């Protein structure tokens, strides 16, 4: 019975993350306290850090985060399924052809829990390559920030 209750709690927390990664376009102005200010924010957990040149990346970001989310759900460590809390912020680049940039994803803010960070990093690297960047975008790559939330209440999810 206890494992069933824990499974239900994890499901609710995963649904909470899915809501957190809900995607809509909302320009962000100014510094956010992180190392790189976002150019555009797509929901609470996704930010484009590169100048989008006026191209709407909303549909692209939705598909990219869906692929990452599917991979991440399978990688969530048992400790998180049992209630371990944490927040991991990852920065990564996507090249024009959809491959990860040679720098690869990097942990921007650490949770202090290696397994949570490994699951977030692994979700991005295993979901790649992604589809090519939108044709209307003329840049060589985009830089993104994704925030992975593990069992945190809403008031603790923001920087």
Foldseek 3Di string as FASTA:
>chain_A
DVLVVLQVVQVVVLVVQVQQQQFDWDADDDDQPFPARFGIATGNFKGWRDPQVPDDCRVVVVQLVVLLSVQLVVQPDVVLSNPDWFKWKKKWKAFQQQATDPVAIDTRDDRPDVSNNCSNSCSNNVSDSGHGGDPVGDDGMIMMMGMDTRNDPPVPSGD
